[in-house]
């Protein structure tokens, strides 16, 4: 099992509140709506930066996402799926600053 971790920076035109609402409600609905999610994604979780963090200044990231796949091939199939490319990928540019968003593939090594 592999995990894609995405450190998401919000679009510069969005407030933190608007970003979190859009990502949590609108974008996640688009991800759930495509068949490729059921076919390839084993788990999709979002982690939203807490409001208290914004009181201390602009955070490096506004949240993280984890997408779990059985294999790198399944990850590649998901991100090249026509429905993902037509419906989900364009939506990412509405709420995320893709130049400041970071992606990395991992394998979990449980410590505790």
PDB file of N, CA and C in Angstrom:
ATOM      1  N   UNK A   1       0.854  -1.176   0.000  1.00  0.00           N
ATOM      2  CA  UNK A   1       0.000   0.000   0.000  1.00  0.00           C
ATOM      3  C   UNK A   1       0.897   1.236   0.000  1.00  0.00           C
ATOM      4  N   UNK A   2       0.561   2.178  -0.855  1.00  0.00           N
ATOM      5  CA  UNK A   2       1.314   3.433  -0.908  1.00  0.00           C
ATOM      6  C   UNK A   2       0.382   4.590  -0.575  1.00  0.00           C
ATOM      7  N   UNK A   3       0.978   5.688  -0.174  1.00  0.00           N
ATOM      8  CA  UNK A   3       0.205   6.866   0.198  1.00  0.00           C
ATOM      9  C   UNK A   3       0.781   8.075  -0.522  1.00  0.00           C
ATOM     10  N   UNK A   4      -0.100   8.819  -1.180  1.00  0.00           N
ATOM     11  CA  UNK A   4       0.272  10.114  -1.741  1.00  0.00           C
ATOM     12  C   UNK A   4      -0.099  11.162  -0.707  1.00  0.00           C
ATOM     13  N   UNK A   5       0.874  11.913  -0.252  1.00  0.00           N
ATOM     14  CA  UNK A   5       0.638  12.998   0.700  1.00  0.00           C
ATOM     15  C   UNK A   5       0.720  14.303  -0.075  1.00  0.00           C
ATOM     16  N   UNK A   6      -0.295  15.141   0.105  1.00  0.00           N
ATOM     17  CA  UNK A   6      -0.367  16.422  -0.593  1.00  0.00           C
ATOM     18  C   UNK A   6      -0.435  17.524   0.455  1.00  0.00           C
ATOM     19  N   UNK A   7       0.544  18.403   0.460  1.00  0.00           N
ATOM     20  CA  UNK A   7       0.534  19.576   1.334  1.00  0.00           C
ATOM     21  C   UNK A   7      -0.055  20.717   0.510  1.00  0.00           C
ATOM     22  N   UNK A   8      -1.258  21.145   0.871  1.00  0.00           N
ATOM     23  CA  UNK A   8      -2.042  22.057   0.043  1.00  0.00           C
ATOM     24  C   UNK A   8      -1.909  23.498   0.531  1.00  0.00           C
ATOM     25  N   UNK A   9      -1.578  24.383  -0.378  1.00  0.00           N
ATOM     26  CA  UNK A   9      -1.582  25.827  -0.127  1.00  0.00           C
ATOM     27  C   UNK A   9      -2.790  26.399  -0.846  1.00  0.00           C
ATOM     28  N   UNK A  10      -3.577  27.184  -0.147  1.00  0.00           N
ATOM     29  CA  UNK A  10      -4.806  27.722  -0.743  1.00  0.00           C
ATOM     30  C   UNK A  10      -4.502  28.725  -1.856  1.00  0.00           C
ATOM     31  N   UNK A  11      -5.461  28.864  -2.744  1.00  0.00           N
ATOM     32  CA  UNK A  11      -5.374  29.840  -3.831  1.00  0.00           C
ATOM     33  C   UNK A  11      -5.255  31.230  -3.206  1.00  0.00           C
ATOM     34  N   UNK A  12      -4.393  32.094  -3.740  1.00  0.00           N
ATOM     35  CA  UNK A  12      -4.175  33.407  -3.117  1.00  0.00           C
ATOM     36  C   UNK A  12      -5.411  34.302  -3.088  1.00  0.00           C
ATOM     37  N   UNK A  13      -6.399  34.023  -3.912  1.00  0.00           N
ATOM     38  CA  UNK A  13      -7.620  34.831  -3.918  1.00  0.00           C
ATOM     39  C   UNK A  13      -8.659  34.362  -2.908  1.00  0.00           C
ATOM     40  N   UNK A  14      -8.359  33.312  -2.146  1.00  0.00           N
ATOM     41  CA  UNK A  14      -9.336  32.759  -1.202  1.00  0.00           C
ATOM     42  C   UNK A  14      -8.944  33.059   0.241  1.00  0.00           C
ATOM     43  N   UNK A  15      -9.948  33.307   1.053  1.00  0.00           N
ATOM     44  CA  UNK A  15      -9.724  33.396   2.495  1.00  0.00           C
ATOM     45  C   UNK A  15      -9.546  31.977   3.035  1.00  0.00           C
ATOM     46  N   UNK A  16      -8.952  31.837   4.210  1.00  0.00           N
ATOM     47  CA  UNK A  16      -8.862  30.491   4.792  1.00  0.00           C
ATOM     48  C   UNK A  16     -10.237  29.832   4.942  1.00  0.00           C
ATOM     49  N   UNK A  17     -11.227  30.601   5.365  1.00  0.00           N
ATOM     50  CA  UNK A  17     -12.565  30.037   5.563  1.00  0.00           C
ATOM     51  C   UNK A  17     -13.152  29.526   4.250  1.00  0.00           C
ATOM     52  N   UNK A  18     -13.022  30.327   3.195  1.00  0.00           N
ATOM     53  CA  UNK A  18     -13.550  29.918   1.889  1.00  0.00           C
ATOM     54  C   UNK A  18     -12.803  28.692   1.364  1.00  0.00           C
ATOM     55  N   UNK A  19     -11.487  28.685   1.539  1.00  0.00           N
ATOM     56  CA  UNK A  19     -10.685  27.539   1.104  1.00  0.00           C
ATOM     57  C   UNK A  19     -11.149  26.260   1.782  1.00  0.00           C
ATOM     58  N   UNK A  20     -11.235  26.285   3.115  1.00  0.00           N
ATOM     59  CA  UNK A  20     -11.585  25.068   3.850  1.00  0.00           C
ATOM     60  C   UNK A  20     -12.983  24.589   3.490  1.00  0.00           C
ATOM     61  N   UNK A  21     -13.927  25.501   3.355  1.00  0.00           N
ATOM     62  CA  UNK A  21     -15.288  25.103   2.979  1.00  0.00           C
ATOM     63  C   UNK A  21     -15.310  24.483   1.586  1.00  0.00           C
ATOM     64  N   UNK A  22     -14.624  25.102   0.641  1.00  0.00           N
ATOM     65  CA  UNK A  22     -14.629  24.596  -0.733  1.00  0.00           C
ATOM     66  C   UNK A  22     -13.950  23.231  -0.813  1.00  0.00           C
ATOM     67  N   UNK A  23     -12.789  23.111  -0.207  1.00  0.00           N
ATOM     68  CA  UNK A  23     -12.050  21.847  -0.263  1.00  0.00           C
ATOM     69  C   UNK A  23     -12.846  20.730   0.406  1.00  0.00           C
ATOM     70  N   UNK A  24     -13.415  21.011   1.581  1.00  0.00           N
ATOM     71  CA  UNK A  24     -14.146  20.017   2.364  1.00  0.00           C
ATOM     72  C   UNK A  24     -15.430  19.583   1.665  1.00  0.00           C
ATOM     73  N   UNK A  25     -16.152  20.532   1.072  1.00  0.00           N
ATOM     74  CA  UNK A  25     -17.482  20.230   0.540  1.00  0.00           C
ATOM     75  C   UNK A  25     -17.476  20.025  -0.972  1.00  0.00           C
ATOM     76  N   UNK A  26     -17.093  21.037  -1.723  1.00  0.00           N
ATOM     77  CA  UNK A  26     -17.208  20.981  -3.183  1.00  0.00           C
ATOM     78  C   UNK A  26     -16.189  20.038  -3.818  1.00  0.00           C
ATOM     79  N   UNK A  27     -14.917  20.221  -3.480  1.00  0.00           N
ATOM     80  CA  UNK A  27     -13.894  19.399  -4.129  1.00  0.00           C
ATOM     81  C   UNK A  27     -14.029  17.932  -3.734  1.00  0.00           C
ATOM     82  N   UNK A  28     -14.231  17.656  -2.476  1.00  0.00           N
ATOM     83  CA  UNK A  28     -14.338  16.256  -2.058  1.00  0.00           C
ATOM     84  C   UNK A  28     -15.526  15.571  -2.725  1.00  0.00           C
ATOM     85  N   UNK A  29     -16.612  16.310  -2.966  1.00  0.00           N
ATOM     86  CA  UNK A  29     -17.765  15.735  -3.676  1.00  0.00           C
ATOM     87  C   UNK A  29     -17.393  15.357  -5.105  1.00  0.00           C
ATOM     88  N   UNK A  30     -16.587  16.175  -5.751  1.00  0.00           N
ATOM     89  CA  UNK A  30     -16.138  15.862  -7.115  1.00  0.00           C
ATOM     90  C   UNK A  30     -15.271  14.607  -7.131  1.00  0.00           C
ATOM     91  N   UNK A  31     -14.404  14.465  -6.138  1.00  0.00           N
ATOM     92  CA  UNK A  31     -13.559  13.267  -6.058  1.00  0.00           C
ATOM     93  C   UNK A  31     -14.429  12.029  -5.849  1.00  0.00           C
ATOM     94  N   UNK A  32     -15.390  12.115  -4.936  1.00  0.00           N
ATOM     95  CA  UNK A  32     -16.260  10.967  -4.657  1.00  0.00           C
ATOM     96  C   UNK A  32     -17.124  10.595  -5.852  1.00  0.00           C
ATOM     97  N   UNK A  33     -17.445  11.556  -6.709  1.00  0.00           N
ATOM     98  CA  UNK A  33     -18.392  11.333  -7.804  1.00  0.00           C
ATOM     99  C   UNK A  33     -17.833  10.522  -8.966  1.00  0.00           C
ATOM    100  N   UNK A  34     -16.522  10.446  -9.106  1.00  0.00           N
ATOM    101  CA  UNK A  34     -15.985   9.741 -10.277  1.00  0.00           C
ATOM    102  C   UNK A  34     -15.732   8.266  -9.950  1.00  0.00           C
ATOM    103  N   UNK A  35     -15.991   7.414 -10.923  1.00  0.00           N
ATOM    104  CA  UNK A  35     -15.847   5.965 -10.734  1.00  0.00           C
ATOM    105  C   UNK A  35     -14.410   5.564 -10.421  1.00  0.00           C
ATOM    106  N   UNK A  36     -13.448   6.299 -10.933  1.00  0.00           N
ATOM    107  CA  UNK A  36     -12.039   5.971 -10.690  1.00  0.00           C
ATOM    108  C   UNK A  36     -11.694   6.018  -9.206  1.00  0.00           C
ATOM    109  N   UNK A  37     -12.395   6.818  -8.434  1.00  0.00           N
ATOM    110  CA  UNK A  37     -12.134   6.865  -6.992  1.00  0.00           C
ATOM    111  C   UNK A  37     -12.448   5.519  -6.357  1.00  0.00           C
ATOM    112  N   UNK A  38     -13.602   4.942  -6.707  1.00  0.00           N
ATOM    113  CA  UNK A  38     -13.956   3.623  -6.173  1.00  0.00           C
ATOM    114  C   UNK A  38     -13.016   2.543  -6.689  1.00  0.00           C
ATOM    115  N   UNK A  39     -12.573   2.692  -7.911  1.00  0.00           N
ATOM    116  CA  UNK A  39     -11.729   1.677  -8.538  1.00  0.00           C
ATOM    117  C   UNK A  39     -10.304   1.685  -7.985  1.00  0.00           C
ATOM    118  N   UNK A  40      -9.731   2.857  -7.754  1.00  0.00           N
ATOM    119  CA  UNK A  40      -8.299   2.942  -7.444  1.00  0.00           C
ATOM    120  C   UNK A  40      -7.952   3.467  -6.054  1.00  0.00           C
ATOM    121  N   UNK A  41      -8.756   4.338  -5.496  1.00  0.00           N
ATOM    122  CA  UNK A  41      -8.407   4.985  -4.224  1.00  0.00           C
ATOM    123  C   UNK A  41      -8.934   4.137  -3.071  1.00  0.00           C
ATOM    124  N   UNK A  42      -8.057   3.733  -2.187  1.00  0.00           N
ATOM    125  CA  UNK A  42      -8.456   2.933  -1.026  1.00  0.00           C
ATOM    126  C   UNK A  42      -8.905   3.820   0.138  1.00  0.00           C
ATOM    127  N   UNK A  43      -8.341   5.020   0.199  1.00  0.00           N
ATOM    128  CA  UNK A  43      -8.708   5.947   1.276  1.00  0.00           C
ATOM    129  C   UNK A  43      -8.304   7.348   0.852  1.00  0.00           C
ATOM    130  N   UNK A  44      -9.151   8.315   1.200  1.00  0.00           N
ATOM    131  CA  UNK A  44      -8.853   9.730   0.941  1.00  0.00           C
ATOM    132  C   UNK A  44      -9.238  10.499   2.193  1.00  0.00           C
ATOM    133  N   UNK A  45      -8.262  11.124   2.823  1.00  0.00           N
ATOM    134  CA  UNK A  45      -8.505  11.906   4.037  1.00  0.00           C
ATOM    135  C   UNK A  45      -7.946  13.303   3.859  1.00  0.00           C
ATOM    136  N   UNK A  46      -8.649  14.262   4.437  1.00  0.00           N
ATOM    137  CA  UNK A  46      -8.190  15.654   4.445  1.00  0.00           C
ATOM    138  C   UNK A  46      -7.869  16.047   5.880  1.00  0.00           C
ATOM    139  N   UNK A  47      -6.840  16.865   6.029  1.00  0.00           N
ATOM    140  CA  UNK A  47      -6.434  17.384   7.330  1.00  0.00           C
ATOM    141  C   UNK A  47      -6.335  18.897   7.196  1.00  0.00           C
ATOM    142  N   UNK A  48      -7.241  19.597   7.852  1.00  0.00           N
ATOM    143  CA  UNK A  48      -7.347  21.047   7.713  1.00  0.00           C
ATOM    144  C   UNK A  48      -6.569  21.753   8.821  1.00  0.00           C
ATOM    145  N   UNK A  49      -5.783  22.750   8.438  1.00  0.00           N
ATOM    146  CA  UNK A  49      -5.048  23.552   9.407  1.00  0.00           C
ATOM    147  C   UNK A  49      -6.042  24.201  10.367  1.00  0.00           C
ATOM    148  N   UNK A  50      -5.743  24.155  11.642  1.00  0.00           N
ATOM    149  CA  UNK A  50      -6.644  24.688  12.663  1.00  0.00           C
ATOM    150  C   UNK A  50      -6.689  26.213  12.617  1.00  0.00           C
ATOM    151  N   UNK A  51      -7.851  26.803  12.918  1.00  0.00           N
ATOM    152  CA  UNK A  51      -7.969  28.264  12.914  1.00  0.00           C
ATOM    153  C   UNK A  51      -6.938  28.950  13.810  1.00  0.00           C
ATOM    154  N   UNK A  52      -6.582  28.344  14.926  1.00  0.00           N
ATOM    155  CA  UNK A  52      -5.608  28.956  15.842  1.00  0.00           C
ATOM    156  C   UNK A  52      -4.252  29.155  15.175  1.00  0.00           C
ATOM    157  N   UNK A  53      -3.917  28.339  14.200  1.00  0.00           N
ATOM    158  CA  UNK A  53      -2.636  28.478  13.503  1.00  0.00           C
ATOM    159  C   UNK A  53      -2.572  29.777  12.703  1.00  0.00           C
ATOM    160  N   UNK A  54      -3.709  30.205  12.162  1.00  0.00           N
ATOM    161  CA  UNK A  54      -3.739  31.435  11.369  1.00  0.00           C
ATOM    162  C   UNK A  54      -3.520  32.672  12.242  1.00  0.00           C
ATOM    163  N   UNK A  55      -3.884  32.578  13.518  1.00  0.00           N
ATOM    164  CA  UNK A  55      -3.690  33.704  14.432  1.00  0.00           C
ATOM    165  C   UNK A  55      -2.202  33.975  14.668  1.00  0.00           C
ATOM    166  N   UNK A  56      -1.363  32.988  14.405  1.00  0.00           N
ATOM    167  CA  UNK A  56       0.076  33.136  14.615  1.00  0.00           C
ATOM    168  C   UNK A  56       0.813  33.530  13.340  1.00  0.00           C
ATOM    169  N   UNK A  57       0.073  33.742  12.263  1.00  0.00           N
ATOM    170  CA  UNK A  57       0.688  34.111  10.991  1.00  0.00           C
ATOM    171  C   UNK A  57       0.265  33.164   9.892  1.00  0.00           C
ATOM    172  N   UNK A  58       0.689  33.471   8.700  1.00  0.00           N
ATOM    173  CA  UNK A  58       0.330  32.658   7.535  1.00  0.00           C
ATOM    174  C   UNK A  58       1.055  31.310   7.594  1.00  0.00           C
ATOM    175  N   UNK A  59       0.306  30.199   7.622  1.00  0.00           N
ATOM    176  CA  UNK A  59       0.967  28.897   7.654  1.00  0.00           C
ATOM    177  C   UNK A  59       1.572  28.550   6.292  1.00  0.00           C
ATOM    178  N   UNK A  60       2.571  27.706   6.301  1.00  0.00           N
ATOM    179  CA  UNK A  60       3.187  27.267   5.043  1.00  0.00           C
ATOM    180  C   UNK A  60       2.173  26.542   4.171  1.00  0.00           C
ATOM    181  N   UNK A  61       1.284  25.772   4.808  1.00  0.00           N
ATOM    182  CA  UNK A  61       0.246  25.030   4.094  1.00  0.00           C
ATOM    183  C   UNK A  61      -1.065  25.188   4.843  1.00  0.00           C
ATOM    184  N   UNK A  62      -2.147  25.071   4.099  1.00  0.00           N
ATOM    185  CA  UNK A  62      -3.477  25.213   4.692  1.00  0.00           C
ATOM    186  C   UNK A  62      -4.104  23.868   5.028  1.00  0.00           C
ATOM    187  N   UNK A  63      -3.450  22.814   4.649  1.00  0.00           N
ATOM    188  CA  UNK A  63      -3.930  21.482   4.969  1.00  0.00           C
ATOM    189  C   UNK A  63      -3.135  20.437   4.230  1.00  0.00           C
ATOM    190  N   UNK A  64      -3.409  19.198   4.581  1.00  0.00           N
ATOM    191  CA  UNK A  64      -2.800  18.090   3.862  1.00  0.00           C
ATOM    192  C   UNK A  64      -3.887  17.090   3.496  1.00  0.00           C
ATOM    193  N   UNK A  65      -3.602  16.331   2.467  1.00  0.00           N
ATOM    194  CA  UNK A  65      -4.483  15.241   2.058  1.00  0.00           C
ATOM    195  C   UNK A  65      -3.654  13.979   1.958  1.00  0.00           C
ATOM    196  N   UNK A  66      -4.296  12.863   2.235  1.00  0.00           N
ATOM    197  CA  UNK A  66      -3.673  11.561   2.038  1.00  0.00           C
ATOM    198  C   UNK A  66      -4.569  10.751   1.119  1.00  0.00           C
ATOM    199  N   UNK A  67      -3.982  10.209   0.072  1.00  0.00           N
ATOM    200  CA  UNK A  67      -4.687   9.303  -0.821  1.00  0.00           C
ATOM    201  C   UNK A  67      -3.932   7.981  -0.820  1.00  0.00           C
ATOM    202  N   UNK A  68      -4.632   6.906  -0.485  1.00  0.00           N
ATOM    203  CA  UNK A  68      -4.025   5.579  -0.392  1.00  0.00           C
ATOM    204  C   UNK A  68      -4.355   4.779  -1.647  1.00  0.00           C
ATOM    205  N   UNK A  69      -3.349   4.085  -2.168  1.00  0.00           N
ATOM    206  CA  UNK A  69      -3.502   3.243  -3.352  1.00  0.00           C
ATOM    207  C   UNK A  69      -2.831   1.895  -3.091  1.00  0.00           C
ATOM    208  N   UNK A  70      -3.283   0.860  -3.803  1.00  0.00           N
ATOM    209  CA  UNK A  70      -2.648  -0.451  -3.681  1.00  0.00           C
ATOM    210  C   UNK A  70      -1.261  -0.471  -4.307  1.00  0.00           C
ATOM    211  N   UNK A  71      -1.056   0.364  -5.332  1.00  0.00           N
ATOM    212  CA  UNK A  71       0.219   0.336  -6.054  1.00  0.00           C
ATOM    213  C   UNK A  71       0.461   1.670  -6.751  1.00  0.00           C
ATOM    214  N   UNK A  72       1.684   1.871  -7.188  1.00  0.00           N
ATOM    215  CA  UNK A  72       2.013   3.056  -7.985  1.00  0.00           C
ATOM    216  C   UNK A  72       1.221   3.030  -9.290  1.00  0.00           C
ATOM    217  N   UNK A  73       1.022   1.844  -9.838  1.00  0.00           N
ATOM    218  CA  UNK A  73       0.249   1.721 -11.074  1.00  0.00           C
ATOM    219  C   UNK A  73      -1.188   2.201 -10.880  1.00  0.00           C
ATOM    220  N   UNK A  74      -1.795   1.864  -9.742  1.00  0.00           N
ATOM    221  CA  UNK A  74      -3.153   2.342  -9.460  1.00  0.00           C
ATOM    222  C   UNK A  74      -3.173   3.858  -9.284  1.00  0.00           C
ATOM    223  N   UNK A  75      -2.153   4.400  -8.634  1.00  0.00           N
ATOM    224  CA  UNK A  75      -2.056   5.863  -8.499  1.00  0.00           C
ATOM    225  C   UNK A  75      -1.974   6.509  -9.870  1.00  0.00           C
ATOM    226  N   UNK A  76      -1.135   5.969 -10.739  1.00  0.00           N
ATOM    227  CA  UNK A  76      -0.994   6.518 -12.090  1.00  0.00           C
ATOM    228  C   UNK A  76      -2.285   6.384 -12.890  1.00  0.00           C
ATOM    229  N   UNK A  77      -2.974   5.254 -12.738  1.00  0.00           N
ATOM    230  CA  UNK A  77      -4.241   5.053 -13.448  1.00  0.00           C
ATOM    231  C   UNK A  77      -5.290   6.059 -12.979  1.00  0.00           C
ATOM    232  N   UNK A  78      -5.342   6.312 -11.678  1.00  0.00           N
ATOM    233  CA  UNK A  78      -6.302   7.285 -11.155  1.00  0.00           C
ATOM    234  C   UNK A  78      -6.051   8.671 -11.735  1.00  0.00           C
ATOM    235  N   UNK A  79      -4.802   9.118 -11.687  1.00  0.00           N
ATOM    236  CA  UNK A  79      -4.492  10.479 -12.130  1.00  0.00           C
ATOM    237  C   UNK A  79      -4.475  10.643 -13.650  1.00  0.00           C
ATOM    238  N   UNK A  80      -4.577   9.546 -14.388  1.00  0.00           N
ATOM    239  CA  UNK A  80      -4.699   9.650 -15.845  1.00  0.00           C
ATOM    240  C   UNK A  80      -6.099   9.287 -16.331  1.00  0.00           C
ATOM    241  N   UNK A  81      -7.000   8.984 -15.404  1.00  0.00           N
ATOM    242  CA  UNK A  81      -8.379   8.644 -15.760  1.00  0.00           C
ATOM    243  C   UNK A  81      -9.070   9.844 -16.417  1.00  0.00           C
ATOM    244  N   UNK A  82      -9.796   9.629 -17.507  1.00  0.00           N
ATOM    245  CA  UNK A  82     -10.450  10.746 -18.203  1.00  0.00           C
ATOM    246  C   UNK A  82     -11.402  11.560 -17.318  1.00  0.00           C
ATOM    247  N   UNK A  83     -12.134  10.900 -16.421  1.00  0.00           N
ATOM    248  CA  UNK A  83     -13.040  11.645 -15.535  1.00  0.00           C
ATOM    249  C   UNK A  83     -12.267  12.500 -14.538  1.00  0.00           C
ATOM    250  N   UNK A  84     -11.156  11.970 -14.015  1.00  0.00           N
ATOM    251  CA  UNK A  84     -10.321  12.782 -13.129  1.00  0.00           C
ATOM    252  C   UNK A  84      -9.807  14.003 -13.885  1.00  0.00           C
ATOM    253  N   UNK A  85      -9.284  13.774 -15.081  1.00  0.00           N
ATOM    254  CA  UNK A  85      -8.700  14.866 -15.868  1.00  0.00           C
ATOM    255  C   UNK A  85      -9.737  15.911 -16.264  1.00  0.00           C
ATOM    256  N   UNK A  86     -10.968  15.496 -16.492  1.00  0.00           N
ATOM    257  CA  UNK A  86     -12.010  16.426 -16.934  1.00  0.00           C
ATOM    258  C   UNK A  86     -12.727  17.123 -15.784  1.00  0.00           C
ATOM    259  N   UNK A  87     -12.889  16.433 -14.645  1.00  0.00           N
ATOM    260  CA  UNK A  87     -13.734  16.972 -13.577  1.00  0.00           C
ATOM    261  C   UNK A  87     -12.985  17.383 -12.314  1.00  0.00           C
ATOM    262  N   UNK A  88     -11.997  16.607 -11.925  1.00  0.00           N
ATOM    263  CA  UNK A  88     -11.324  16.857 -10.646  1.00  0.00           C
ATOM    264  C   UNK A  88     -10.105  17.758 -10.812  1.00  0.00           C
ATOM    265  N   UNK A  89      -9.232  17.421 -11.743  1.00  0.00           N
ATOM    266  CA  UNK A  89      -8.001  18.202 -11.900  1.00  0.00           C
ATOM    267  C   UNK A  89      -8.269  19.686 -12.146  1.00  0.00           C
ATOM    268  N   UNK A  90      -9.183  20.067 -13.046  1.00  0.00           N
ATOM    269  CA  UNK A  90      -9.426  21.509 -13.238  1.00  0.00           C
ATOM    270  C   UNK A  90      -9.940  22.195 -11.965  1.00  0.00           C
ATOM    271  N   UNK A  91     -10.665  21.447 -11.144  1.00  0.00           N
ATOM    272  CA  UNK A  91     -11.202  22.009  -9.909  1.00  0.00           C
ATOM    273  C   UNK A  91     -10.097  22.343  -8.914  1.00  0.00           C
ATOM    274  N   UNK A  92      -8.998  21.617  -8.953  1.00  0.00           N
ATOM    275  CA  UNK A  92      -7.902  21.860  -8.013  1.00  0.00           C
ATOM    276  C   UNK A  92      -7.352  23.276  -8.143  1.00  0.00           C
ATOM    277  N   UNK A  93      -7.369  23.813  -9.346  1.00  0.00           N
ATOM    278  CA  UNK A  93      -6.842  25.158  -9.580  1.00  0.00           C
ATOM    279  C   UNK A  93      -7.777  26.250  -9.052  1.00  0.00           C
ATOM    280  N   UNK A  94      -9.011  25.892  -8.710  1.00  0.00           N
ATOM    281  CA  UNK A  94      -9.962  26.867  -8.174  1.00  0.00           C
ATOM    282  C   UNK A  94      -9.695  27.194  -6.709  1.00  0.00           C
ATOM    283  N   UNK A  95      -9.140  26.246  -5.956  1.00  0.00           N
ATOM    284  CA  UNK A  95      -8.966  26.469  -4.521  1.00  0.00           C
ATOM    285  C   UNK A  95      -7.519  26.336  -4.050  1.00  0.00           C
ATOM    286  N   UNK A  96      -6.647  25.758  -4.872  1.00  0.00           N
ATOM    287  CA  UNK A  96      -5.263  25.523  -4.447  1.00  0.00           C
ATOM    288  C   UNK A  96      -4.283  26.310  -5.304  1.00  0.00           C
ATOM    289  N   UNK A  97      -3.221  26.761  -4.663  1.00  0.00           N
ATOM    290  CA  UNK A  97      -2.096  27.364  -5.371  1.00  0.00           C
ATOM    291  C   UNK A  97      -1.177  26.206  -5.750  1.00  0.00           C
ATOM    292  N   UNK A  98      -1.323  25.720  -6.973  1.00  0.00           N
ATOM    293  CA  UNK A  98      -0.628  24.501  -7.378  1.00  0.00           C
ATOM    294  C   UNK A  98       0.888  24.680  -7.431  1.00  0.00           C
ATOM    295  N   UNK A  99       1.368  25.909  -7.584  1.00  0.00           N
ATOM    296  CA  UNK A  99       2.818  26.136  -7.577  1.00  0.00           C
ATOM    297  C   UNK A  99       3.411  25.996  -6.176  1.00  0.00           C
ATOM    298  N   UNK A 100       2.580  26.197  -5.151  1.00  0.00           N
ATOM    299  CA  UNK A 100       3.059  26.107  -3.770  1.00  0.00           C
ATOM    300  C   UNK A 100       2.575  24.840  -3.062  1.00  0.00           C
ATOM    301  N   UNK A 101       1.814  24.016  -3.758  1.00  0.00           N
ATOM    302  CA  UNK A 101       1.331  22.757  -3.208  1.00  0.00           C
ATOM    303  C   UNK A 101       2.369  21.680  -3.494  1.00  0.00           C
ATOM    304  N   UNK A 102       2.654  20.854  -2.488  1.00  0.00           N
ATOM    305  CA  UNK A 102       3.693  19.827  -2.611  1.00  0.00           C
ATOM    306  C   UNK A 102       3.069  18.429  -2.601  1.00  0.00           C
ATOM    307  N   UNK A 103       3.630  17.542  -3.417  1.00  0.00           N
ATOM    308  CA  UNK A 103       3.167  16.161  -3.532  1.00  0.00           C
ATOM    309  C   UNK A 103       4.349  15.229  -3.268  1.00  0.00           C
ATOM    310  N   UNK A 104       4.113  14.166  -2.487  1.00  0.00           N
ATOM    311  CA  UNK A 104       5.152  13.158  -2.373  1.00  0.00           C
ATOM    312  C   UNK A 104       4.542  11.799  -2.059  1.00  0.00           C
ATOM    313  N   UNK A 105       5.163  10.765  -2.641  1.00  0.00           N
ATOM    314  CA  UNK A 105       4.718   9.384  -2.463  1.00  0.00           C
ATOM    315  C   UNK A 105       5.457   8.781  -1.276  1.00  0.00           C
ATOM    316  N   UNK A 106       4.715   8.003  -0.486  1.00  0.00           N
ATOM    317  CA  UNK A 106       5.313   7.393   0.697  1.00  0.00           C
ATOM    318  C   UNK A 106       4.813   5.968   0.868  1.00  0.00           C
ATOM    319  N   UNK A 107       5.520   5.233   1.690  1.00  0.00           N
ATOM    320  CA  UNK A 107       5.034   3.978   2.244  1.00  0.00           C
ATOM    321  C   UNK A 107       5.045   4.174   3.752  1.00  0.00           C
ATOM    322  N   UNK A 108       3.948   3.843   4.375  1.00  0.00           N
ATOM    323  CA  UNK A 108       3.845   4.055   5.811  1.00  0.00           C
ATOM    324  C   UNK A 108       4.736   3.082   6.571  1.00  0.00           C
ATOM    325  N   UNK A 109       5.433   3.615   7.553  1.00  0.00           N
ATOM    326  CA  UNK A 109       6.203   2.814   8.492  1.00  0.00           C
ATOM    327  C   UNK A 109       5.706   3.175   9.883  1.00  0.00           C
ATOM    328  N   UNK A 110       4.847   2.344  10.407  1.00  0.00           N
ATOM    329  CA  UNK A 110       4.231   2.634  11.695  1.00  0.00           C
ATOM    330  C   UNK A 110       5.267   2.548  12.811  1.00  0.00           C
ATOM    331  N   UNK A 111       5.276   3.569  13.649  1.00  0.00           N
ATOM    332  CA  UNK A 111       6.225   3.652  14.757  1.00  0.00           C
ATOM    333  C   UNK A 111       5.556   3.260  16.071  1.00  0.00           C
ATOM    334  N   UNK A 112       4.343   3.720  16.297  1.00  0.00           N
ATOM    335  CA  UNK A 112       3.578   3.375  17.512  1.00  0.00           C
ATOM    336  C   UNK A 112       2.262   2.754  17.136  1.00  0.00           C
TER     337      UNK A 112
END
